[in-house]
Amino acid sequence: MKILGIDTSTPIGSVAVIDGDNLVAEHTLNIVQAHSSRLMPAIDGILKWSDITADTLDGCTVGIGPGSFTGIRIGVATIKSLCYALNKPIIGVSTLEAIAYNLRWTNGIICPLLDARRSEVYGAIFQGGSEWQRLSEDLCLSVDAFLDHLDTHTFPDRTISFVGDGLLTYGDTVRERLGESVHFADAIFNVPRGATIAHLGRQRLQNDDVDDYWTLVPNYVRVGLY
């Protein structure tokens, strides 16, 4: 099953193609350049490097946020247009889930955090290890409010790992609240990779859980921004 996955919800744009469990090719770039000018060339390049034509894809997946409003719009609009033109299934994936999944086999609680500006973060709570599951919806609130939300859950004898670029701004606050025992992932895991987006989308596609071209919209999280 060949799946194209993209994410443009952060400044780090990522495009990948997987075939089953195998990563065929991935292009990830963190530069100051608009996603609008580099996304389609990146998709075209990935397909050419993979020796795969767009019409042979089994589906396309896209990070729908939360994250950069403009970046998300570009990514979602591009994949919707591509899937509609090719009559291919489309699957939207939470950017926070994709980042948390980078730590998939970490035992304990995984909290992805992205800087949402306005003194807020995008965050969510997941259970890692063999019992992988989502424990909260995607949230947008102050870091203190997020940590308060985290306190409402009982995690006896479980480690808590944080990941995401929100740690660059709010890492000190997290440590002050939770102590030195909390774990911060290495910065290389902060990236919402196209390969992870594709993998999560493939899992849903295998279960015939796909989205609709017309109703799939960005997940901005903040109320009233559509």
N, C-alpha and C. Protein backbone atom coordinates (compact mmCIF):
# COMPACT_ATOMS: atom_id res chain seq x y z
N MET A 1 0.85 -1.19 0.00
CA MET A 1 0.00 0.00 0.00
C MET A 1 0.88 1.25 0.00
N LYS A 2 0.83 2.00 -1.08
CA LYS A 2 1.66 3.20 -1.23
C LYS A 2 0.88 4.43 -0.77
N ILE A 3 1.46 5.14 0.20
CA ILE A 3 0.78 6.29 0.81
C ILE A 3 1.70 7.51 0.76
N LEU A 4 1.13 8.63 0.32
CA LEU A 4 1.83 9.92 0.38
C LEU A 4 1.40 10.63 1.65
N GLY A 5 2.38 11.13 2.40
CA GLY A 5 2.06 11.88 3.61
C GLY A 5 2.76 13.22 3.62
N ILE A 6 2.05 14.28 4.01
CA ILE A 6 2.66 15.60 4.08
C ILE A 6 2.24 16.30 5.36
N ASP A 7 3.11 17.20 5.83
CA ASP A 7 2.74 18.08 6.94
C ASP A 7 3.36 19.45 6.71
N THR A 8 2.53 20.47 6.78
CA THR A 8 2.99 21.86 6.63
C THR A 8 2.44 22.72 7.77
N SER A 9 2.15 22.08 8.89
CA SER A 9 1.53 22.81 10.00
C SER A 9 2.54 23.56 10.86
N THR A 10 3.84 23.31 10.64
CA THR A 10 4.90 24.04 11.33
C THR A 10 5.87 24.55 10.27
N PRO A 11 6.87 25.35 10.64
CA PRO A 11 7.85 25.80 9.64
C PRO A 11 8.62 24.66 8.99
N ILE A 12 8.61 23.49 9.63
CA ILE A 12 9.31 22.34 9.08
C ILE A 12 8.37 21.58 8.16
N GLY A 13 8.51 21.78 6.86
CA GLY A 13 7.69 21.06 5.89
C GLY A 13 8.24 19.67 5.66
N SER A 14 7.35 18.67 5.60
CA SER A 14 7.81 17.29 5.41
C SER A 14 6.88 16.56 4.46
N VAL A 15 7.49 15.85 3.51
CA VAL A 15 6.75 15.05 2.51
C VAL A 15 7.39 13.68 2.47
N ALA A 16 6.58 12.63 2.44
CA ALA A 16 7.13 11.27 2.42
C ALA A 16 6.23 10.33 1.65
N VAL A 17 6.81 9.23 1.19
CA VAL A 17 6.07 8.13 0.59
C VAL A 17 6.47 6.86 1.32
N ILE A 18 5.47 6.10 1.75
CA ILE A 18 5.74 4.80 2.33
C ILE A 18 5.07 3.73 1.47
N ASP A 19 5.60 2.53 1.54
CA ASP A 19 5.01 1.38 0.85
C ASP A 19 4.88 0.28 1.90
N GLY A 20 3.68 0.09 2.40
CA GLY A 20 3.51 -0.82 3.53
C GLY A 20 4.20 -0.25 4.75
N ASP A 21 5.02 -1.06 5.40
CA ASP A 21 5.77 -0.61 6.57
C ASP A 21 7.09 0.07 6.20
N ASN A 22 7.40 0.10 4.92
CA ASN A 22 8.70 0.60 4.48
C ASN A 22 8.65 2.07 4.08
N LEU A 23 9.61 2.85 4.57
CA LEU A 23 9.78 4.22 4.12
C LEU A 23 10.52 4.22 2.80
N VAL A 24 9.89 4.75 1.77
CA VAL A 24 10.50 4.79 0.44
C VAL A 24 11.35 6.05 0.28
N ALA A 25 10.78 7.19 0.64
CA ALA A 25 11.51 8.46 0.51
C ALA A 25 10.87 9.50 1.41
N GLU A 26 11.70 10.44 1.87
CA GLU A 26 11.19 11.50 2.74
C GLU A 26 12.00 12.77 2.52
N HIS A 27 11.30 13.90 2.47
CA HIS A 27 11.93 15.19 2.27
C HIS A 27 11.46 16.09 3.41
N THR A 28 12.37 16.48 4.29
CA THR A 28 12.03 17.33 5.43
C THR A 28 12.98 18.51 5.45
N LEU A 29 12.42 19.73 5.51
CA LEU A 29 13.25 20.91 5.37
C LEU A 29 12.77 22.00 6.31
N ASN A 30 13.69 22.55 7.09
CA ASN A 30 13.38 23.64 8.01
C ASN A 30 14.10 24.90 7.54
N ILE A 31 13.43 25.65 6.68
CA ILE A 31 14.01 26.88 6.15
C ILE A 31 12.95 27.97 6.14
N VAL A 32 13.40 29.20 6.07
CA VAL A 32 12.47 30.33 6.02
C VAL A 32 12.04 30.52 4.57
N GLN A 33 11.04 29.79 4.19
CA GLN A 33 10.49 29.88 2.84
C GLN A 33 9.06 29.39 2.88
N ALA A 34 8.16 30.04 2.18
CA ALA A 34 6.74 29.70 2.25
C ALA A 34 6.48 28.29 1.75
N HIS A 35 5.59 27.58 2.46
CA HIS A 35 5.21 26.25 2.02
C HIS A 35 4.57 26.28 0.63
N SER A 36 3.91 27.39 0.32
CA SER A 36 3.22 27.48 -0.97
C SER A 36 4.18 27.36 -2.14
N SER A 37 5.43 27.78 -1.95
CA SER A 37 6.39 27.74 -3.06
C SER A 37 7.20 26.45 -3.12
N ARG A 38 7.19 25.68 -2.03
CA ARG A 38 8.04 24.48 -2.02
C ARG A 38 7.29 23.17 -1.90
N LEU A 39 5.98 23.21 -1.59
CA LEU A 39 5.26 21.96 -1.36
C LEU A 39 5.11 21.12 -2.62
N MET A 40 4.57 21.69 -3.69
CA MET A 40 4.35 20.90 -4.91
C MET A 40 5.67 20.41 -5.52
N PRO A 41 6.73 21.24 -5.57
CA PRO A 41 8.01 20.71 -6.05
C PRO A 41 8.52 19.56 -5.18
N ALA A 42 8.27 19.64 -3.86
CA ALA A 42 8.71 18.56 -2.97
C ALA A 42 7.93 17.28 -3.23
N ILE A 43 6.62 17.40 -3.42
CA ILE A 43 5.80 16.22 -3.74
C ILE A 43 6.24 15.61 -5.06
N ASP A 44 6.43 16.46 -6.06
CA ASP A 44 6.87 15.97 -7.37
C ASP A 44 8.23 15.27 -7.27
N GLY A 45 9.14 15.87 -6.51
CA GLY A 45 10.47 15.28 -6.36
C GLY A 45 10.44 13.96 -5.64
N ILE A 46 9.66 13.87 -4.56
CA ILE A 46 9.56 12.63 -3.80
C ILE A 46 9.02 11.49 -4.67
N LEU A 47 8.00 11.78 -5.46
CA LEU A 47 7.42 10.75 -6.32
C LEU A 47 8.43 10.31 -7.39
N LYS A 48 9.16 11.26 -7.95
CA LYS A 48 10.15 10.91 -8.96
C LYS A 48 11.28 10.09 -8.35
N TRP A 49 11.78 10.51 -7.19
CA TRP A 49 12.86 9.76 -6.53
C TRP A 49 12.40 8.35 -6.17
N SER A 50 11.12 8.21 -5.86
CA SER A 50 10.58 6.91 -5.46
C SER A 50 10.22 6.05 -6.66
N ASP A 51 10.28 6.64 -7.87
CA ASP A 51 9.85 5.95 -9.08
C ASP A 51 8.40 5.50 -8.96
N ILE A 52 7.59 6.41 -8.39
CA ILE A 52 6.16 6.16 -8.20
C ILE A 52 5.39 7.28 -8.88
N THR A 53 4.36 6.91 -9.61
CA THR A 53 3.50 7.93 -10.23
C THR A 53 2.30 8.17 -9.32
N ALA A 54 1.79 9.38 -9.36
CA ALA A 54 0.71 9.76 -8.45
C ALA A 54 -0.52 8.86 -8.62
N ASP A 55 -0.77 8.40 -9.84
CA ASP A 55 -1.97 7.58 -10.06
C ASP A 55 -1.86 6.19 -9.44
N THR A 56 -0.65 5.77 -9.03
CA THR A 56 -0.49 4.46 -8.40
C THR A 56 -0.54 4.53 -6.88
N LEU A 57 -0.69 5.73 -6.32
CA LEU A 57 -0.83 5.86 -4.88
C LEU A 57 -2.15 5.25 -4.42
N ASP A 58 -2.14 4.66 -3.24
CA ASP A 58 -3.36 4.10 -2.68
C ASP A 58 -4.12 5.11 -1.83
N GLY A 59 -3.46 6.20 -1.47
CA GLY A 59 -4.11 7.23 -0.69
C GLY A 59 -3.14 8.33 -0.33
N CYS A 60 -3.68 9.44 0.15
CA CYS A 60 -2.85 10.59 0.56
C CYS A 60 -3.29 11.03 1.96
N THR A 61 -2.29 11.38 2.76
CA THR A 61 -2.57 11.81 4.13
C THR A 61 -1.95 13.18 4.37
N VAL A 62 -2.57 13.94 5.27
CA VAL A 62 -2.10 15.30 5.50
C VAL A 62 -2.27 15.66 6.97
N GLY A 63 -1.28 16.36 7.52
CA GLY A 63 -1.40 16.89 8.86
C GLY A 63 -2.38 18.05 8.85
N ILE A 64 -3.44 17.96 9.64
CA ILE A 64 -4.49 18.98 9.60
C ILE A 64 -4.38 19.96 10.77
N GLY A 65 -3.29 19.88 11.52
CA GLY A 65 -3.09 20.79 12.63
C GLY A 65 -3.39 20.12 13.95
N PRO A 66 -3.34 20.92 15.01
CA PRO A 66 -3.17 22.37 15.03
C PRO A 66 -1.75 22.80 14.69
N GLY A 67 -1.62 24.09 14.40
CA GLY A 67 -0.33 24.65 14.03
C GLY A 67 -0.53 25.96 13.32
N SER A 68 0.37 26.26 12.38
CA SER A 68 0.30 27.49 11.61
C SER A 68 -0.96 27.50 10.74
N PHE A 69 -1.80 28.53 10.91
CA PHE A 69 -3.05 28.59 10.15
C PHE A 69 -2.78 28.56 8.65
N THR A 70 -1.84 29.38 8.20
CA THR A 70 -1.54 29.45 6.77
C THR A 70 -0.95 28.14 6.27
N GLY A 71 -0.01 27.58 7.02
CA GLY A 71 0.62 26.32 6.62
C GLY A 71 -0.39 25.20 6.50
N ILE A 72 -1.28 25.09 7.48
CA ILE A 72 -2.29 24.03 7.45
C ILE A 72 -3.20 24.19 6.24
N ARG A 73 -3.63 25.41 5.97
CA ARG A 73 -4.52 25.65 4.82
C ARG A 73 -3.86 25.20 3.53
N ILE A 74 -2.58 25.52 3.38
CA ILE A 74 -1.86 25.15 2.16
C ILE A 74 -1.79 23.64 2.02
N GLY A 75 -1.43 22.95 3.10
CA GLY A 75 -1.31 21.50 3.04
C GLY A 75 -2.63 20.82 2.76
N VAL A 76 -3.67 21.20 3.47
CA VAL A 76 -4.98 20.57 3.30
C VAL A 76 -5.53 20.85 1.91
N ALA A 77 -5.44 22.09 1.44
CA ALA A 77 -5.96 22.43 0.11
C ALA A 77 -5.22 21.67 -0.98
N THR A 78 -3.91 21.53 -0.83
CA THR A 78 -3.11 20.83 -1.84
C THR A 78 -3.50 19.36 -1.92
N ILE A 79 -3.60 18.68 -0.78
CA ILE A 79 -3.92 17.26 -0.79
C ILE A 79 -5.37 17.02 -1.21
N LYS A 80 -6.28 17.91 -0.82
CA LYS A 80 -7.67 17.76 -1.27
C LYS A 80 -7.76 17.86 -2.78
N SER A 81 -7.04 18.81 -3.36
CA SER A 81 -7.06 18.96 -4.81
C SER A 81 -6.45 17.75 -5.50
N LEU A 82 -5.33 17.25 -4.96
CA LEU A 82 -4.66 16.10 -5.55
C LEU A 82 -5.53 14.86 -5.48
N CYS A 83 -6.12 14.61 -4.32
CA CYS A 83 -6.96 13.42 -4.16
C CYS A 83 -8.22 13.50 -5.02
N TYR A 84 -8.78 14.68 -5.11
CA TYR A 84 -9.98 14.83 -5.95
C TYR A 84 -9.65 14.57 -7.42
N ALA A 85 -8.53 15.13 -7.87
CA ALA A 85 -8.14 14.95 -9.28
C ALA A 85 -7.82 13.50 -9.60
N LEU A 86 -7.22 12.78 -8.65
CA LEU A 86 -6.80 11.39 -8.87
C LEU A 86 -7.83 10.37 -8.39
N ASN A 87 -8.90 10.87 -7.74
CA ASN A 87 -9.91 9.98 -7.16
C ASN A 87 -9.27 9.01 -6.18
N LYS A 88 -8.50 9.56 -5.24
CA LYS A 88 -7.81 8.77 -4.24
C LYS A 88 -8.37 9.07 -2.84
N PRO A 89 -8.32 8.11 -1.92
CA PRO A 89 -8.77 8.37 -0.55
C PRO A 89 -7.91 9.44 0.12
N ILE A 90 -8.53 10.21 1.01
CA ILE A 90 -7.83 11.25 1.74
C ILE A 90 -8.03 11.03 3.24
N ILE A 91 -6.96 11.21 4.00
CA ILE A 91 -7.03 11.03 5.45
C ILE A 91 -6.33 12.21 6.12
N GLY A 92 -7.01 12.87 7.04
CA GLY A 92 -6.42 13.94 7.83
C GLY A 92 -5.92 13.40 9.16
N VAL A 93 -4.72 13.82 9.56
CA VAL A 93 -4.09 13.32 10.78
C VAL A 93 -3.73 14.50 11.68
N SER A 94 -3.98 14.36 12.96
CA SER A 94 -3.60 15.39 13.93
C SER A 94 -2.09 15.57 13.96
N THR A 95 -1.64 16.80 13.84
CA THR A 95 -0.21 17.08 13.94
C THR A 95 0.33 16.70 15.32
N LEU A 96 -0.45 16.96 16.36
CA LEU A 96 -0.01 16.60 17.71
C LEU A 96 0.14 15.09 17.86
N GLU A 97 -0.77 14.34 17.28
CA GLU A 97 -0.66 12.88 17.34
C GLU A 97 0.59 12.41 16.61
N ALA A 98 0.87 13.02 15.45
CA ALA A 98 2.06 12.63 14.67
C ALA A 98 3.34 12.89 15.46
N ILE A 99 3.39 14.02 16.17
CA ILE A 99 4.58 14.32 16.97
C ILE A 99 4.69 13.36 18.15
N ALA A 100 3.58 13.10 18.81
CA ALA A 100 3.60 12.16 19.93
C ALA A 100 4.02 10.77 19.47
N TYR A 101 3.62 10.40 18.26
CA TYR A 101 3.91 9.06 17.74
C TYR A 101 5.41 8.86 17.51
N ASN A 102 6.16 9.96 17.41
CA ASN A 102 7.61 9.82 17.31
C ASN A 102 8.19 9.14 18.54
N LEU A 103 7.46 9.23 19.67
CA LEU A 103 7.88 8.58 20.91
C LEU A 103 7.00 7.37 21.23
N ARG A 104 6.41 6.80 20.21
CA ARG A 104 5.39 5.74 20.32
C ARG A 104 5.71 4.69 21.37
N TRP A 105 6.94 4.21 21.42
CA TRP A 105 7.26 3.10 22.31
C TRP A 105 7.86 3.56 23.64
N THR A 106 7.71 4.83 23.95
CA THR A 106 8.12 5.32 25.27
C THR A 106 7.04 4.95 26.29
N ASN A 107 7.40 4.17 27.28
CA ASN A 107 6.42 3.80 28.30
C ASN A 107 6.04 5.04 29.12
N GLY A 108 4.77 5.18 29.40
CA GLY A 108 4.31 6.31 30.19
C GLY A 108 3.49 7.29 29.36
N ILE A 109 3.39 8.49 29.86
CA ILE A 109 2.57 9.53 29.24
C ILE A 109 3.42 10.38 28.29
N ILE A 110 2.85 10.68 27.13
CA ILE A 110 3.53 11.51 26.13
C ILE A 110 2.69 12.76 25.90
N CYS A 111 3.31 13.93 26.03
CA CYS A 111 2.61 15.21 25.85
C CYS A 111 3.30 16.03 24.77
N PRO A 112 2.76 16.06 23.56
CA PRO A 112 3.30 16.97 22.55
C PRO A 112 2.84 18.39 22.81
N LEU A 113 3.77 19.35 22.67
CA LEU A 113 3.45 20.76 22.86
C LEU A 113 3.98 21.56 21.69
N LEU A 114 3.15 22.40 21.13
CA LEU A 114 3.56 23.34 20.08
C LEU A 114 3.26 24.76 20.56
N ASP A 115 4.13 25.69 20.20
CA ASP A 115 3.92 27.09 20.55
C ASP A 115 2.79 27.65 19.70
N ALA A 116 1.70 28.05 20.35
CA ALA A 116 0.53 28.59 19.64
C ALA A 116 0.53 30.11 19.62
N ARG A 117 1.61 30.72 20.16
CA ARG A 117 1.69 32.17 20.29
C ARG A 117 0.58 32.67 21.22
N ARG A 118 0.47 33.97 21.39
CA ARG A 118 -0.52 34.56 22.30
C ARG A 118 -0.40 33.96 23.71
N SER A 119 0.82 33.55 24.11
CA SER A 119 1.07 32.96 25.42
C SER A 119 0.29 31.66 25.63
N GLU A 120 0.05 30.93 24.53
CA GLU A 120 -0.67 29.66 24.59
C GLU A 120 0.12 28.55 23.90
N VAL A 121 -0.29 27.32 24.19
CA VAL A 121 0.31 26.15 23.53
C VAL A 121 -0.80 25.28 22.95
N TYR A 122 -0.46 24.54 21.91
CA TYR A 122 -1.29 23.43 21.46
C TYR A 122 -0.73 22.19 22.15
N GLY A 123 -1.59 21.40 22.73
CA GLY A 123 -1.11 20.23 23.44
C GLY A 123 -2.13 19.12 23.47
N ALA A 124 -1.67 17.92 23.79
CA ALA A 124 -2.54 16.76 23.94
C ALA A 124 -1.83 15.75 24.83
N ILE A 125 -2.56 14.74 25.26
CA ILE A 125 -2.02 13.73 26.16
C ILE A 125 -2.24 12.35 25.55
N PHE A 126 -1.16 11.55 25.50
CA PHE A 126 -1.22 10.21 24.95
C PHE A 126 -0.58 9.22 25.91
N GLN A 127 -1.02 7.98 25.84
CA GLN A 127 -0.38 6.89 26.56
C GLN A 127 0.54 6.16 25.58
N GLY A 128 1.82 6.09 25.91
CA GLY A 128 2.77 5.41 25.04
C GLY A 128 2.95 3.95 25.39
N GLY A 129 3.90 3.28 24.72
CA GLY A 129 4.17 1.88 24.97
C GLY A 129 3.17 0.96 24.29
N SER A 130 3.02 -0.23 24.84
CA SER A 130 2.15 -1.24 24.22
C SER A 130 0.67 -0.89 24.32
N GLU A 131 0.33 0.08 25.20
CA GLU A 131 -1.06 0.48 25.36
C GLU A 131 -1.34 1.83 24.70
N TRP A 132 -0.72 2.07 23.54
CA TRP A 132 -0.84 3.36 22.86
C TRP A 132 -2.30 3.78 22.72
N GLN A 133 -2.60 4.98 23.20
CA GLN A 133 -3.95 5.52 23.04
C GLN A 133 -3.94 7.01 23.32
N ARG A 134 -4.92 7.69 22.77
CA ARG A 134 -5.12 9.11 23.04
C ARG A 134 -5.91 9.27 24.33
N LEU A 135 -5.44 10.18 25.19
CA LEU A 135 -6.11 10.42 26.47
C LEU A 135 -6.79 11.78 26.56
N SER A 136 -6.56 12.63 25.56
CA SER A 136 -7.24 13.93 25.55
C SER A 136 -7.45 14.37 24.12
N GLU A 137 -8.33 15.31 23.93
CA GLU A 137 -8.48 15.93 22.62
C GLU A 137 -7.33 16.92 22.42
N ASP A 138 -7.18 17.42 21.21
CA ASP A 138 -6.21 18.48 20.96
C ASP A 138 -6.69 19.75 21.65
N LEU A 139 -5.78 20.40 22.36
CA LEU A 139 -6.14 21.55 23.18
C LEU A 139 -5.35 22.79 22.79
N CYS A 140 -5.90 23.95 23.06
CA CYS A 140 -5.17 25.22 22.92
C CYS A 140 -5.47 26.05 24.16
N LEU A 141 -4.43 26.27 24.99
CA LEU A 141 -4.60 26.98 26.24
C LEU A 141 -3.22 27.39 26.77
N SER A 142 -3.19 28.13 27.83
CA SER A 142 -1.91 28.53 28.40
C SER A 142 -1.18 27.29 28.90
N VAL A 143 0.15 27.36 29.00
CA VAL A 143 0.90 26.19 29.45
C VAL A 143 0.51 25.82 30.87
N ASP A 144 0.23 26.81 31.72
CA ASP A 144 -0.21 26.50 33.08
C ASP A 144 -1.56 25.79 33.08
N ALA A 145 -2.45 26.23 32.22
CA ALA A 145 -3.76 25.57 32.13
C ALA A 145 -3.61 24.15 31.58
N PHE A 146 -2.67 23.96 30.64
CA PHE A 146 -2.44 22.61 30.13
C PHE A 146 -1.91 21.70 31.25
N LEU A 147 -0.98 22.21 32.04
CA LEU A 147 -0.44 21.41 33.14
C LEU A 147 -1.50 21.15 34.20
N ASP A 148 -2.41 22.11 34.40
CA ASP A 148 -3.55 21.88 35.30
C ASP A 148 -4.41 20.74 34.76
N HIS A 149 -4.62 20.76 33.43
CA HIS A 149 -5.41 19.71 32.78
C HIS A 149 -4.71 18.36 32.96
N LEU A 150 -3.40 18.36 32.86
CA LEU A 150 -2.62 17.14 33.05
C LEU A 150 -2.78 16.62 34.48
N ASP A 151 -2.88 17.55 35.43
CA ASP A 151 -3.03 17.18 36.84
C ASP A 151 -4.36 16.48 37.13
N THR A 152 -5.35 16.68 36.24
CA THR A 152 -6.66 16.06 36.48
C THR A 152 -6.63 14.57 36.18
N HIS A 153 -5.57 14.09 35.54
CA HIS A 153 -5.43 12.66 35.26
C HIS A 153 -4.54 12.03 36.34
N THR A 154 -4.80 10.79 36.63
CA THR A 154 -3.99 10.05 37.60
C THR A 154 -3.07 9.10 36.86
N PHE A 155 -1.77 9.31 37.00
CA PHE A 155 -0.78 8.49 36.31
C PHE A 155 0.18 7.89 37.34
N PRO A 156 -0.26 6.91 38.12
CA PRO A 156 0.63 6.35 39.15
C PRO A 156 1.83 5.65 38.53
N ASP A 157 3.01 5.98 39.06
CA ASP A 157 4.25 5.30 38.65
C ASP A 157 4.49 5.36 37.15
N ARG A 158 4.05 6.42 36.51
CA ARG A 158 4.28 6.55 35.07
C ARG A 158 5.13 7.79 34.80
N THR A 159 6.06 7.65 33.89
CA THR A 159 6.86 8.80 33.49
C THR A 159 6.04 9.68 32.56
N ILE A 160 6.40 10.96 32.51
CA ILE A 160 5.76 11.90 31.58
C ILE A 160 6.84 12.48 30.68
N SER A 161 6.67 12.30 29.39
CA SER A 161 7.63 12.79 28.40
C SER A 161 6.98 13.88 27.57
N PHE A 162 7.69 15.00 27.40
CA PHE A 162 7.22 16.10 26.58
C PHE A 162 8.04 16.16 25.29
N VAL A 163 7.37 16.58 24.21
CA VAL A 163 8.03 16.67 22.92
C VAL A 163 7.37 17.80 22.12
N GLY A 164 8.13 18.50 21.30
CA GLY A 164 7.56 19.56 20.48
C GLY A 164 8.26 20.89 20.69
N ASP A 165 8.09 21.79 19.72
CA ASP A 165 8.82 23.06 19.78
C ASP A 165 8.32 23.99 20.88
N GLY A 166 7.18 23.66 21.50
CA GLY A 166 6.70 24.47 22.62
C GLY A 166 7.65 24.44 23.80
N LEU A 167 8.51 23.41 23.86
CA LEU A 167 9.47 23.32 24.96
C LEU A 167 10.53 24.40 24.89
N LEU A 168 10.80 24.92 23.69
CA LEU A 168 11.79 25.99 23.54
C LEU A 168 11.37 27.23 24.32
N THR A 169 10.07 27.48 24.35
CA THR A 169 9.54 28.66 25.04
C THR A 169 9.10 28.35 26.47
N TYR A 170 8.50 27.17 26.67
CA TYR A 170 7.85 26.89 27.94
C TYR A 170 8.47 25.74 28.72
N GLY A 171 9.63 25.27 28.28
CA GLY A 171 10.28 24.16 28.97
C GLY A 171 10.57 24.45 30.43
N ASP A 172 11.04 25.65 30.73
CA ASP A 172 11.37 26.01 32.12
C ASP A 172 10.12 25.97 33.00
N THR A 173 9.00 26.43 32.44
CA THR A 173 7.75 26.42 33.20
C THR A 173 7.32 24.99 33.50
N VAL A 174 7.46 24.11 32.51
CA VAL A 174 7.09 22.71 32.70
C VAL A 174 7.94 22.08 33.81
N ARG A 175 9.24 22.35 33.78
CA ARG A 175 10.13 21.77 34.81
C ARG A 175 9.84 22.34 36.19
N GLU A 176 9.51 23.62 36.25
CA GLU A 176 9.18 24.23 37.54
C GLU A 176 7.94 23.60 38.16
N ARG A 177 6.97 23.25 37.29
CA ARG A 177 5.73 22.66 37.78
C ARG A 177 5.86 21.17 38.09
N LEU A 178 6.60 20.44 37.25
CA LEU A 178 6.62 18.98 37.36
C LEU A 178 7.90 18.41 37.93
N GLY A 179 8.94 19.25 38.04
CA GLY A 179 10.19 18.77 38.62
C GLY A 179 11.13 18.19 37.60
N GLU A 180 12.31 17.85 38.05
CA GLU A 180 13.36 17.36 37.17
C GLU A 180 13.10 15.95 36.65
N SER A 181 12.15 15.24 37.24
CA SER A 181 11.89 13.87 36.82
C SER A 181 11.18 13.79 35.47
N VAL A 182 10.58 14.92 35.03
CA VAL A 182 9.91 14.92 33.73
C VAL A 182 10.96 14.80 32.62
N HIS A 183 10.60 14.11 31.53
CA HIS A 183 11.53 13.88 30.44
C HIS A 183 11.21 14.79 29.26
N PHE A 184 12.24 15.40 28.67
CA PHE A 184 12.10 16.17 27.43
C PHE A 184 12.77 15.38 26.31
N ALA A 185 12.05 15.18 25.21
CA ALA A 185 12.61 14.46 24.08
C ALA A 185 13.67 15.31 23.39
N ASP A 186 14.61 14.65 22.74
CA ASP A 186 15.60 15.37 21.94
C ASP A 186 14.89 16.15 20.83
N ALA A 187 15.48 17.26 20.43
CA ALA A 187 14.84 18.17 19.46
C ALA A 187 14.52 17.50 18.13
N ILE A 188 15.27 16.46 17.75
CA ILE A 188 15.01 15.81 16.46
C ILE A 188 13.64 15.14 16.43
N PHE A 189 13.05 14.88 17.60
CA PHE A 189 11.73 14.25 17.65
C PHE A 189 10.60 15.26 17.65
N ASN A 190 10.93 16.56 17.63
CA ASN A 190 9.90 17.60 17.63
C ASN A 190 9.21 17.74 16.28
N VAL A 191 9.74 17.09 15.26
CA VAL A 191 9.29 17.29 13.88
C VAL A 191 8.07 16.43 13.55
N PRO A 192 6.99 17.03 13.03
CA PRO A 192 5.87 16.24 12.51
C PRO A 192 6.24 15.68 11.13
N ARG A 193 6.80 14.49 11.09
CA ARG A 193 7.35 13.92 9.86
C ARG A 193 6.26 13.44 8.91
N GLY A 194 6.51 13.65 7.62
CA GLY A 194 5.59 13.15 6.60
C GLY A 194 5.43 11.65 6.67
N ALA A 195 6.51 10.93 7.02
CA ALA A 195 6.45 9.48 7.11
C ALA A 195 5.50 9.03 8.22
N THR A 196 5.52 9.75 9.35
CA THR A 196 4.61 9.41 10.44
C THR A 196 3.17 9.71 10.07
N ILE A 197 2.95 10.84 9.40
CA ILE A 197 1.61 11.18 8.91
C ILE A 197 1.11 10.07 7.99
N ALA A 198 1.97 9.62 7.08
CA ALA A 198 1.59 8.55 6.14
C ALA A 198 1.28 7.25 6.88
N HIS A 199 2.11 6.91 7.87
CA HIS A 199 1.91 5.67 8.62
C HIS A 199 0.59 5.68 9.37
N LEU A 200 0.29 6.78 10.06
CA LEU A 200 -0.97 6.87 10.79
C LEU A 200 -2.16 6.85 9.83
N GLY A 201 -2.00 7.50 8.68
CA GLY A 201 -3.06 7.47 7.69
C GLY A 201 -3.29 6.08 7.12
N ARG A 202 -2.20 5.35 6.91
CA ARG A 202 -2.32 3.98 6.38
C ARG A 202 -3.10 3.09 7.34
N GLN A 203 -2.86 3.26 8.65
CA GLN A 203 -3.59 2.46 9.63
C GLN A 203 -5.10 2.69 9.50
N ARG A 204 -5.48 3.94 9.31
CA ARG A 204 -6.90 4.25 9.14
C ARG A 204 -7.43 3.73 7.81
N LEU A 205 -6.65 3.88 6.75
CA LEU A 205 -7.08 3.42 5.43
C LEU A 205 -7.32 1.92 5.43
N GLN A 206 -6.49 1.18 6.13
CA GLN A 206 -6.66 -0.27 6.22
C GLN A 206 -7.98 -0.65 6.88
N ASN A 207 -8.50 0.25 7.71
CA ASN A 207 -9.79 0.02 8.37
C ASN A 207 -10.94 0.74 7.66
N ASP A 208 -10.67 1.20 6.43
CA ASP A 208 -11.67 1.94 5.65
C ASP A 208 -12.18 3.17 6.37
N ASP A 209 -11.33 3.75 7.20
CA ASP A 209 -11.68 4.98 7.94
C ASP A 209 -11.03 6.15 7.22
N VAL A 210 -11.73 6.70 6.24
CA VAL A 210 -11.19 7.79 5.43
C VAL A 210 -12.06 9.03 5.58
N ASP A 211 -11.51 10.16 5.17
CA ASP A 211 -12.25 11.42 5.24
C ASP A 211 -12.89 11.74 3.90
N ASP A 212 -13.67 12.78 3.89
CA ASP A 212 -14.37 13.23 2.69
C ASP A 212 -13.70 14.48 2.15
N TYR A 213 -13.54 14.55 0.82
CA TYR A 213 -12.90 15.72 0.21
C TYR A 213 -13.58 17.01 0.64
N TRP A 214 -14.89 16.98 0.71
CA TRP A 214 -15.65 18.21 0.89
C TRP A 214 -15.73 18.64 2.35
N THR A 215 -15.66 17.71 3.28
CA THR A 215 -15.85 18.06 4.68
C THR A 215 -14.56 18.13 5.49
N LEU A 216 -13.45 17.63 4.94
CA LEU A 216 -12.18 17.70 5.67
C LEU A 216 -11.73 19.15 5.76
N VAL A 217 -11.50 19.62 6.98
CA VAL A 217 -11.07 21.01 7.19
C VAL A 217 -9.89 21.02 8.15
N PRO A 218 -9.12 22.10 8.13
CA PRO A 218 -8.02 22.23 9.10
C PRO A 218 -8.53 22.20 10.53
N ASN A 219 -7.71 21.67 11.42
CA ASN A 219 -8.04 21.64 12.85
C ASN A 219 -7.27 22.76 13.53
N TYR A 220 -7.87 23.94 13.54
CA TYR A 220 -7.21 25.10 14.13
C TYR A 220 -7.29 25.10 15.65
N VAL A 221 -8.23 24.34 16.21
CA VAL A 221 -8.48 24.22 17.65
C VAL A 221 -9.10 25.49 18.21
N ARG A 222 -8.52 26.65 17.93
CA ARG A 222 -9.09 27.91 18.45
C ARG A 222 -10.48 28.12 17.88
N VAL A 223 -11.44 28.36 18.73
CA VAL A 223 -12.84 28.51 18.34
C VAL A 223 -13.01 29.70 17.41
N GLY A 224 -13.80 29.51 16.36
CA GLY A 224 -14.17 30.61 15.48
C GLY A 224 -13.19 30.88 14.36
N LEU A 225 -12.10 30.11 14.26
CA LEU A 225 -11.13 30.34 13.19
C LEU A 225 -11.24 29.22 12.17
N TYR A 226 -12.06 29.46 11.13
CA TYR A 226 -12.28 28.45 10.09
C TYR A 226 -12.21 29.11 8.73
